[in-house]
Amino acid sequence: MGSIRFDGVRFVVYTMDHEPRHVHGFYAEVEVIVDLLQESNVSLANRTDAIRPSNGSKADVRHVLTAAAKHFDELAALWEKHRGSA
């Protein structure tokens, strides 16, 4: 497992996690699963549990997504370091 913190968000990559390339962002009381797409784009993961708890604050989710977009390169490198070679 690897983690890094930006803008108050702790981003985590789990070593044995699955494709597609993604990170788990923890901020306030919410966990947001963020897909790291091509061309430095991010997206809320297309899965039912992408926001935990499901009634998490929209502002907190937006903050996680914004931080992920701002630090895309670092998060992609974290994925490669901790998951890419698994």
PDB file of N, CA and C in Angstrom:
ATOM      1  N   MET A   1       0.852  -1.172   0.000  1.00  0.00           N
ATOM      2  CA  MET A   1       0.000   0.000   0.000  1.00  0.00           C
ATOM      3  C   MET A   1       0.893   1.229   0.000  1.00  0.00           C
ATOM      4  N   GLY A   2       0.482   2.206  -0.757  1.00  0.00           N
ATOM      5  CA  GLY A   2       1.179   3.480  -0.767  1.00  0.00           C
ATOM      6  C   GLY A   2       0.187   4.599  -0.552  1.00  0.00           C
ATOM      7  N   SER A   3       0.654   5.671   0.067  1.00  0.00           N
ATOM      8  CA  SER A   3      -0.234   6.811   0.271  1.00  0.00           C
ATOM      9  C   SER A   3       0.547   8.106   0.141  1.00  0.00           C
ATOM     10  N   ILE A   4      -0.199   9.159  -0.157  1.00  0.00           N
ATOM     11  CA  ILE A   4       0.357  10.491  -0.314  1.00  0.00           C
ATOM     12  C   ILE A   4      -0.752  11.482   0.040  1.00  0.00           C
ATOM     13  N   ARG A   5      -0.382  12.666   0.501  1.00  0.00           N
ATOM     14  CA  ARG A   5      -1.383  13.643   0.925  1.00  0.00           C
ATOM     15  C   ARG A   5      -1.213  14.942   0.145  1.00  0.00           C
ATOM     16  N   PHE A   6      -2.336  15.434  -0.392  1.00  0.00           N
ATOM     17  CA  PHE A   6      -2.391  16.714  -1.084  1.00  0.00           C
ATOM     18  C   PHE A   6      -3.662  17.440  -0.672  1.00  0.00           C
ATOM     19  N   ASP A   7      -3.548  18.716  -0.387  1.00  0.00           N
ATOM     20  CA  ASP A   7      -4.711  19.564  -0.119  1.00  0.00           C
ATOM     21  C   ASP A   7      -5.640  18.971   0.943  1.00  0.00           C
ATOM     22  N   GLY A   8      -5.058  18.334   1.943  1.00  0.00           N
ATOM     23  CA  GLY A   8      -5.840  17.754   3.023  1.00  0.00           C
ATOM     24  C   GLY A   8      -6.464  16.407   2.711  1.00  0.00           C
ATOM     25  N   VAL A   9      -6.217  15.875   1.527  1.00  0.00           N
ATOM     26  CA  VAL A   9      -6.770  14.581   1.110  1.00  0.00           C
ATOM     27  C   VAL A   9      -5.654  13.541   1.177  1.00  0.00           C
ATOM     28  N   ARG A  10      -5.945  12.430   1.820  1.00  0.00           N
ATOM     29  CA  ARG A  10      -5.006  11.308   1.814  1.00  0.00           C
ATOM     30  C   ARG A  10      -5.419  10.370   0.695  1.00  0.00           C
ATOM     31  N   PHE A  11      -4.533  10.181  -0.276  1.00  0.00           N
ATOM     32  CA  PHE A  11      -4.782   9.282  -1.395  1.00  0.00           C
ATOM     33  C   PHE A  11      -4.034   7.987  -1.153  1.00  0.00           C
ATOM     34  N   VAL A  12      -4.711   6.867  -1.401  1.00  0.00           N
ATOM     35  CA  VAL A  12      -4.150   5.545  -1.140  1.00  0.00           C
ATOM     36  C   VAL A  12      -4.278   4.678  -2.389  1.00  0.00           C
ATOM     37  N   VAL A  13      -3.215   3.905  -2.646  1.00  0.00           N
ATOM     38  CA  VAL A  13      -3.236   2.846  -3.661  1.00  0.00           C
ATOM     39  C   VAL A  13      -2.967   1.548  -2.923  1.00  0.00           C
ATOM     40  N   TYR A  14      -3.852   0.577  -3.104  1.00  0.00           N
ATOM     41  CA  TYR A  14      -3.685  -0.737  -2.477  1.00  0.00           C
ATOM     42  C   TYR A  14      -2.941  -1.657  -3.443  1.00  0.00           C
ATOM     43  N   THR A  15      -1.913  -2.321  -2.944  1.00  0.00           N
ATOM     44  CA  THR A  15      -1.034  -3.130  -3.775  1.00  0.00           C
ATOM     45  C   THR A  15      -1.780  -4.191  -4.573  1.00  0.00           C
ATOM     46  N   MET A  16      -2.711  -4.859  -3.968  1.00  0.00           N
ATOM     47  CA  MET A  16      -3.414  -5.948  -4.653  1.00  0.00           C
ATOM     48  C   MET A  16      -4.730  -5.489  -5.279  1.00  0.00           C
ATOM     49  N   ASP A  17      -4.893  -4.203  -5.472  1.00  0.00           N
ATOM     50  CA  ASP A  17      -6.140  -3.666  -6.024  1.00  0.00           C
ATOM     51  C   ASP A  17      -6.238  -3.985  -7.514  1.00  0.00           C
ATOM     52  N   HIS A  18      -7.372  -3.746  -8.088  1.00  0.00           N
ATOM     53  CA  HIS A  18      -7.720  -4.129  -9.451  1.00  0.00           C
ATOM     54  C   HIS A  18      -7.619  -2.953 -10.408  1.00  0.00           C
ATOM     55  N   GLU A  19      -7.612  -3.260 -11.691  1.00  0.00           N
ATOM     56  CA  GLU A  19      -7.765  -2.255 -12.732  1.00  0.00           C
ATOM     57  C   GLU A  19      -9.225  -1.793 -12.707  1.00  0.00           C
ATOM     58  N   PRO A  20      -9.570  -0.641 -13.234  1.00  0.00           N
ATOM     59  CA  PRO A  20      -8.700   0.319 -13.892  1.00  0.00           C
ATOM     60  C   PRO A  20      -7.878   1.102 -12.875  1.00  0.00           C
ATOM     61  N   ARG A  21      -6.910   1.845 -13.376  1.00  0.00           N
ATOM     62  CA  ARG A  21      -6.019   2.651 -12.543  1.00  0.00           C
ATOM     63  C   ARG A  21      -6.853   3.650 -11.738  1.00  0.00           C
ATOM     64  N   HIS A  22      -6.701   3.594 -10.417  1.00  0.00           N
ATOM     65  CA  HIS A  22      -7.506   4.461  -9.551  1.00  0.00           C
ATOM     66  C   HIS A  22      -6.827   4.638  -8.201  1.00  0.00           C
ATOM     67  N   VAL A  23      -7.321   5.622  -7.454  1.00  0.00           N
ATOM     68  CA  VAL A  23      -6.870   5.876  -6.087  1.00  0.00           C
ATOM     69  C   VAL A  23      -8.093   6.020  -5.200  1.00  0.00           C
ATOM     70  N   HIS A  24      -7.878   5.816  -3.909  1.00  0.00           N
ATOM     71  CA  HIS A  24      -8.916   6.041  -2.906  1.00  0.00           C
ATOM     72  C   HIS A  24      -8.553   7.336  -2.196  1.00  0.00           C
ATOM     73  N   GLY A  25      -9.451   8.312  -2.234  1.00  0.00           N
ATOM     74  CA  GLY A  25      -9.206   9.589  -1.581  1.00  0.00           C
ATOM     75  C   GLY A  25     -10.019   9.689  -0.301  1.00  0.00           C
ATOM     76  N   PHE A  26      -9.365  10.039   0.800  1.00  0.00           N
ATOM     77  CA  PHE A  26     -10.021  10.166   2.100  1.00  0.00           C
ATOM     78  C   PHE A  26      -9.955  11.622   2.541  1.00  0.00           C
ATOM     79  N   TYR A  27     -11.122  12.197   2.774  1.00  0.00           N
ATOM     80  CA  TYR A  27     -11.198  13.598   3.182  1.00  0.00           C
ATOM     81  C   TYR A  27     -12.413  13.773   4.083  1.00  0.00           C
ATOM     82  N   ALA A  28     -12.218  14.449   5.194  1.00  0.00           N
ATOM     83  CA  ALA A  28     -13.294  14.634   6.176  1.00  0.00           C
ATOM     84  C   ALA A  28     -13.838  13.253   6.529  1.00  0.00           C
ATOM     85  N   GLU A  29     -15.098  13.026   6.314  1.00  0.00           N
ATOM     86  CA  GLU A  29     -15.720  11.735   6.665  1.00  0.00           C
ATOM     87  C   GLU A  29     -16.072  10.916   5.430  1.00  0.00           C
ATOM     88  N   VAL A  30     -15.423  11.196   4.295  1.00  0.00           N
ATOM     89  CA  VAL A  30     -15.803  10.528   3.056  1.00  0.00           C
ATOM     90  C   VAL A  30     -14.591   9.861   2.402  1.00  0.00           C
ATOM     91  N   GLU A  31     -14.866   8.737   1.734  1.00  0.00           N
ATOM     92  CA  GLU A  31     -13.886   8.069   0.872  1.00  0.00           C
ATOM     93  C   GLU A  31     -14.425   8.146  -0.544  1.00  0.00           C
ATOM     94  N   VAL A  32     -13.574   8.570  -1.466  1.00  0.00           N
ATOM     95  CA  VAL A  32     -13.971   8.722  -2.866  1.00  0.00           C
ATOM     96  C   VAL A  32     -12.995   7.915  -3.714  1.00  0.00           C
ATOM     97  N   ILE A  33     -13.537   7.072  -4.582  1.00  0.00           N
ATOM     98  CA  ILE A  33     -12.701   6.292  -5.490  1.00  0.00           C
ATOM     99  C   ILE A  33     -12.617   7.066  -6.805  1.00  0.00           C
ATOM    100  N   VAL A  34     -11.384   7.405  -7.176  1.00  0.00           N
ATOM    101  CA  VAL A  34     -11.132   8.268  -8.328  1.00  0.00           C
ATOM    102  C   VAL A  34     -10.377   7.486  -9.390  1.00  0.00           C
ATOM    103  N   ASP A  35     -10.966   7.386 -10.586  1.00  0.00           N
ATOM    104  CA  ASP A  35     -10.275   6.759 -11.704  1.00  0.00           C
ATOM    105  C   ASP A  35      -9.281   7.748 -12.288  1.00  0.00           C
ATOM    106  N   LEU A  36      -8.090   7.257 -12.599  1.00  0.00           N
ATOM    107  CA  LEU A  36      -7.046   8.049 -13.238  1.00  0.00           C
ATOM    108  C   LEU A  36      -7.067   7.687 -14.721  1.00  0.00           C
ATOM    109  N   LEU A  37      -7.690   8.526 -15.505  1.00  0.00           N
ATOM    110  CA  LEU A  37      -7.915   8.255 -16.922  1.00  0.00           C
ATOM    111  C   LEU A  37      -6.712   8.683 -17.762  1.00  0.00           C
ATOM    112  N   GLN A  38      -6.834   8.516 -19.051  1.00  0.00           N
ATOM    113  CA  GLN A  38      -5.792   8.943 -19.980  1.00  0.00           C
ATOM    114  C   GLN A  38      -5.754  10.469 -20.060  1.00  0.00           C
ATOM    115  N   GLU A  39      -4.647  10.987 -20.542  1.00  0.00           N
ATOM    116  CA  GLU A  39      -4.476  12.428 -20.791  1.00  0.00           C
ATOM    117  C   GLU A  39      -4.703  13.268 -19.536  1.00  0.00           C
ATOM    118  N   SER A  40      -4.274  12.762 -18.398  1.00  0.00           N
ATOM    119  CA  SER A  40      -4.315  13.504 -17.121  1.00  0.00           C
ATOM    120  C   SER A  40      -5.724  13.884 -16.670  1.00  0.00           C
ATOM    121  N   ASN A  41      -6.704  13.081 -17.022  1.00  0.00           N
ATOM    122  CA  ASN A  41      -8.076  13.328 -16.585  1.00  0.00           C
ATOM    123  C   ASN A  41      -8.430  12.387 -15.430  1.00  0.00           C
ATOM    124  N   VAL A  42      -9.306  12.877 -14.555  1.00  0.00           N
ATOM    125  CA  VAL A  42      -9.813  12.055 -13.460  1.00  0.00           C
ATOM    126  C   VAL A  42     -11.325  11.993 -13.550  1.00  0.00           C
ATOM    127  N   SER A  43     -11.879  10.971 -12.918  1.00  0.00           N
ATOM    128  CA  SER A  43     -13.322  10.791 -12.918  1.00  0.00           C
ATOM    129  C   SER A  43     -13.726  10.024 -11.672  1.00  0.00           C
ATOM    130  N   LEU A  44     -14.903  10.323 -11.166  1.00  0.00           N
ATOM    131  CA  LEU A  44     -15.469   9.499 -10.113  1.00  0.00           C
ATOM    132  C   LEU A  44     -15.629   8.100 -10.686  1.00  0.00           C
ATOM    133  N   ALA A  45     -15.168   7.092  -9.970  1.00  0.00           N
ATOM    134  CA  ALA A  45     -15.240   5.715 -10.459  1.00  0.00           C
ATOM    135  C   ALA A  45     -16.689   5.341 -10.783  1.00  0.00           C
ATOM    136  N   ASN A  46     -16.857   4.592 -11.841  1.00  0.00           N
ATOM    137  CA  ASN A  46     -18.176   4.154 -12.282  1.00  0.00           C
ATOM    138  C   ASN A  46     -18.540   2.856 -11.570  1.00  0.00           C
ATOM    139  N   ARG A  47     -18.856   2.988 -10.285  1.00  0.00           N
ATOM    140  CA  ARG A  47     -19.246   1.843  -9.471  1.00  0.00           C
ATOM    141  C   ARG A  47     -20.147   2.335  -8.350  1.00  0.00           C
ATOM    142  N   THR A  48     -20.961   1.465  -7.831  1.00  0.00           N
ATOM    143  CA  THR A  48     -21.971   1.881  -6.852  1.00  0.00           C
ATOM    144  C   THR A  48     -21.378   2.355  -5.538  1.00  0.00           C
ATOM    145  N   ASP A  49     -20.167   1.909  -5.209  1.00  0.00           N
ATOM    146  CA  ASP A  49     -19.567   2.303  -3.938  1.00  0.00           C
ATOM    147  C   ASP A  49     -18.440   3.331  -4.110  1.00  0.00           C
ATOM    148  N   ALA A  50     -18.517   4.148  -5.138  1.00  0.00           N
ATOM    149  CA  ALA A  50     -17.470   5.131  -5.417  1.00  0.00           C
ATOM    150  C   ALA A  50     -17.407   6.225  -4.356  1.00  0.00           C
ATOM    151  N   ILE A  51     -18.503   6.436  -3.652  1.00  0.00           N
ATOM    152  CA  ILE A  51     -18.543   7.400  -2.549  1.00  0.00           C
ATOM    153  C   ILE A  51     -19.010   6.650  -1.313  1.00  0.00           C
ATOM    154  N   ARG A  52     -18.175   6.702  -0.267  1.00  0.00           N
ATOM    155  CA  ARG A  52     -18.504   6.008   0.978  1.00  0.00           C
ATOM    156  C   ARG A  52     -18.405   6.990   2.131  1.00  0.00           C
ATOM    157  N   PRO A  53     -19.408   7.183   2.934  1.00  0.00           N
ATOM    158  CA  PRO A  53     -20.747   6.618   2.770  1.00  0.00           C
ATOM    159  C   PRO A  53     -21.436   7.251   1.560  1.00  0.00           C
ATOM    160  N   SER A  54     -22.433   6.579   1.074  1.00  0.00           N
ATOM    161  CA  SER A  54     -23.093   7.017  -0.160  1.00  0.00           C
ATOM    162  C   SER A  54     -23.733   8.391  -0.038  1.00  0.00           C
ATOM    163  N   ASN A  55     -23.986   8.844   1.162  1.00  0.00           N
ATOM    164  CA  ASN A  55     -24.571  10.176   1.356  1.00  0.00           C
ATOM    165  C   ASN A  55     -23.497  11.201   1.732  1.00  0.00           C
ATOM    166  N   GLY A  56     -22.248  10.927   1.345  1.00  0.00           N
ATOM    167  CA  GLY A  56     -21.145  11.843   1.627  1.00  0.00           C
ATOM    168  C   GLY A  56     -21.393  13.215   1.022  1.00  0.00           C
ATOM    169  N   SER A  57     -20.839  14.219   1.640  1.00  0.00           N
ATOM    170  CA  SER A  57     -21.003  15.602   1.211  1.00  0.00           C
ATOM    171  C   SER A  57     -20.522  15.809  -0.232  1.00  0.00           C
ATOM    172  N   LYS A  58     -21.358  16.434  -1.050  1.00  0.00           N
ATOM    173  CA  LYS A  58     -20.968  16.719  -2.437  1.00  0.00           C
ATOM    174  C   LYS A  58     -19.761  17.644  -2.482  1.00  0.00           C
ATOM    175  N   ALA A  59     -19.685  18.575  -1.543  1.00  0.00           N
ATOM    176  CA  ALA A  59     -18.541  19.491  -1.490  1.00  0.00           C
ATOM    177  C   ALA A  59     -17.252  18.721  -1.187  1.00  0.00           C
ATOM    178  N   ASP A  60     -17.318  17.734  -0.291  1.00  0.00           N
ATOM    179  CA  ASP A  60     -16.142  16.925   0.031  1.00  0.00           C
ATOM    180  C   ASP A  60     -15.721  16.083  -1.169  1.00  0.00           C
ATOM    181  N   VAL A  61     -16.682  15.507  -1.867  1.00  0.00           N
ATOM    182  CA  VAL A  61     -16.390  14.715  -3.068  1.00  0.00           C
ATOM    183  C   VAL A  61     -15.729  15.608  -4.111  1.00  0.00           C
ATOM    184  N   ARG A  62     -16.270  16.780  -4.323  1.00  0.00           N
ATOM    185  CA  ARG A  62     -15.717  17.732  -5.286  1.00  0.00           C
ATOM    186  C   ARG A  62     -14.275  18.109  -4.903  1.00  0.00           C
ATOM    187  N   HIS A  63     -14.030  18.294  -3.611  1.00  0.00           N
ATOM    188  CA  HIS A  63     -12.687  18.635  -3.138  1.00  0.00           C
ATOM    189  C   HIS A  63     -11.695  17.511  -3.465  1.00  0.00           C
ATOM    190  N   VAL A  64     -12.090  16.269  -3.234  1.00  0.00           N
ATOM    191  CA  VAL A  64     -11.219  15.127  -3.541  1.00  0.00           C
ATOM    192  C   VAL A  64     -10.927  15.068  -5.038  1.00  0.00           C
ATOM    193  N   LEU A  65     -11.952  15.225  -5.867  1.00  0.00           N
ATOM    194  CA  LEU A  65     -11.767  15.169  -7.316  1.00  0.00           C
ATOM    195  C   LEU A  65     -10.878  16.309  -7.814  1.00  0.00           C
ATOM    196  N   THR A  66     -11.051  17.488  -7.252  1.00  0.00           N
ATOM    197  CA  THR A  66     -10.234  18.639  -7.633  1.00  0.00           C
ATOM    198  C   THR A  66      -8.774  18.416  -7.260  1.00  0.00           C
ATOM    199  N   ALA A  67      -8.539  17.918  -6.048  1.00  0.00           N
ATOM    200  CA  ALA A  67      -7.166  17.633  -5.609  1.00  0.00           C
ATOM    201  C   ALA A  67      -6.534  16.556  -6.483  1.00  0.00           C
ATOM    202  N   ALA A  68      -7.310  15.541  -6.843  1.00  0.00           N
ATOM    203  CA  ALA A  68      -6.790  14.465  -7.692  1.00  0.00           C
ATOM    204  C   ALA A  68      -6.407  15.006  -9.067  1.00  0.00           C
ATOM    205  N   ALA A  69      -7.238  15.864  -9.630  1.00  0.00           N
ATOM    206  CA  ALA A  69      -6.934  16.439 -10.941  1.00  0.00           C
ATOM    207  C   ALA A  69      -5.680  17.304 -10.873  1.00  0.00           C
ATOM    208  N   LYS A  70      -5.561  18.074  -9.834  1.00  0.00           N
ATOM    209  CA  LYS A  70      -4.420  18.973  -9.652  1.00  0.00           C
ATOM    210  C   LYS A  70      -3.108  18.201  -9.498  1.00  0.00           C
ATOM    211  N   HIS A  71      -3.167  17.011  -8.912  1.00  0.00           N
ATOM    212  CA  HIS A  71      -1.966  16.217  -8.628  1.00  0.00           C
ATOM    213  C   HIS A  71      -1.968  14.894  -9.391  1.00  0.00           C
ATOM    214  N   PHE A  72      -2.538  14.921 -10.583  1.00  0.00           N
ATOM    215  CA  PHE A  72      -2.683  13.712 -11.389  1.00  0.00           C
ATOM    216  C   PHE A  72      -1.356  12.966 -11.571  1.00  0.00           C
ATOM    217  N   ASP A  73      -0.314  13.676 -11.968  1.00  0.00           N
ATOM    218  CA  ASP A  73       0.959  13.019 -12.269  1.00  0.00           C
ATOM    219  C   ASP A  73       1.515  12.274 -11.054  1.00  0.00           C
ATOM    220  N   GLU A  74       1.423  12.892  -9.895  1.00  0.00           N
ATOM    221  CA  GLU A  74       1.916  12.259  -8.678  1.00  0.00           C
ATOM    222  C   GLU A  74       1.096  11.025  -8.319  1.00  0.00           C
ATOM    223  N   LEU A  75      -0.226  11.106  -8.550  1.00  0.00           N
ATOM    224  CA  LEU A  75      -1.093   9.966  -8.234  1.00  0.00           C
ATOM    225  C   LEU A  75      -0.873   8.820  -9.223  1.00  0.00           C
ATOM    226  N   ALA A  76      -0.674   9.146 -10.488  1.00  0.00           N
ATOM    227  CA  ALA A  76      -0.378   8.103 -11.477  1.00  0.00           C
ATOM    228  C   ALA A  76       0.945   7.415 -11.141  1.00  0.00           C
ATOM    229  N   ALA A  77       1.933   8.191 -10.693  1.00  0.00           N
ATOM    230  CA  ALA A  77       3.220   7.604 -10.300  1.00  0.00           C
ATOM    231  C   ALA A  77       3.050   6.713  -9.067  1.00  0.00           C
ATOM    232  N   LEU A  78       2.196   7.128  -8.132  1.00  0.00           N
ATOM    233  CA  LEU A  78       1.920   6.307  -6.951  1.00  0.00           C
ATOM    234  C   LEU A  78       1.315   4.976  -7.367  1.00  0.00           C
ATOM    235  N   TRP A  79       0.359   5.003  -8.302  1.00  0.00           N
ATOM    236  CA  TRP A  79      -0.251   3.765  -8.823  1.00  0.00           C
ATOM    237  C   TRP A  79       0.824   2.862  -9.428  1.00  0.00           C
ATOM    238  N   GLU A  80       1.661   3.434 -10.275  1.00  0.00           N
ATOM    239  CA  GLU A  80       2.691   2.637 -10.925  1.00  0.00           C
ATOM    240  C   GLU A  80       3.663   2.030  -9.913  1.00  0.00           C
ATOM    241  N   LYS A  81       4.016   2.794  -8.903  1.00  0.00           N
ATOM    242  CA  LYS A  81       4.961   2.316  -7.894  1.00  0.00           C
ATOM    243  C   LYS A  81       4.391   1.184  -7.053  1.00  0.00           C
ATOM    244  N   HIS A  82       3.117   1.298  -6.662  1.00  0.00           N
ATOM    245  CA  HIS A  82       2.559   0.344  -5.704  1.00  0.00           C
ATOM    246  C   HIS A  82       1.622  -0.685  -6.312  1.00  0.00           C
ATOM    247  N   ARG A  83       1.110  -0.426  -7.468  1.00  0.00           N
ATOM    248  CA  ARG A  83       0.181  -1.375  -8.081  1.00  0.00           C
ATOM    249  C   ARG A  83       0.644  -1.843  -9.449  1.00  0.00           C
ATOM    250  N   GLY A  84       1.272  -0.960 -10.195  1.00  0.00           N
ATOM    251  CA  GLY A  84       1.645  -1.269 -11.564  1.00  0.00           C
ATOM    252  C   GLY A  84       2.523  -2.491 -11.721  1.00  0.00           C
ATOM    253  N   SER A  85       3.339  -2.760 -10.708  1.00  0.00           N
ATOM    254  CA  SER A  85       4.243  -3.910 -10.799  1.00  0.00           C
ATOM    255  C   SER A  85       3.666  -5.155 -10.138  1.00  0.00           C
ATOM    256  N   ALA A  86       2.451  -5.055  -9.612  1.00  0.00           N
ATOM    257  CA  ALA A  86       1.853  -6.215  -8.909  1.00  0.00           C
ATOM    258  C   ALA A  86       1.407  -7.278  -9.890  1.00  0.00           C
TER     259      ALA A  86
END
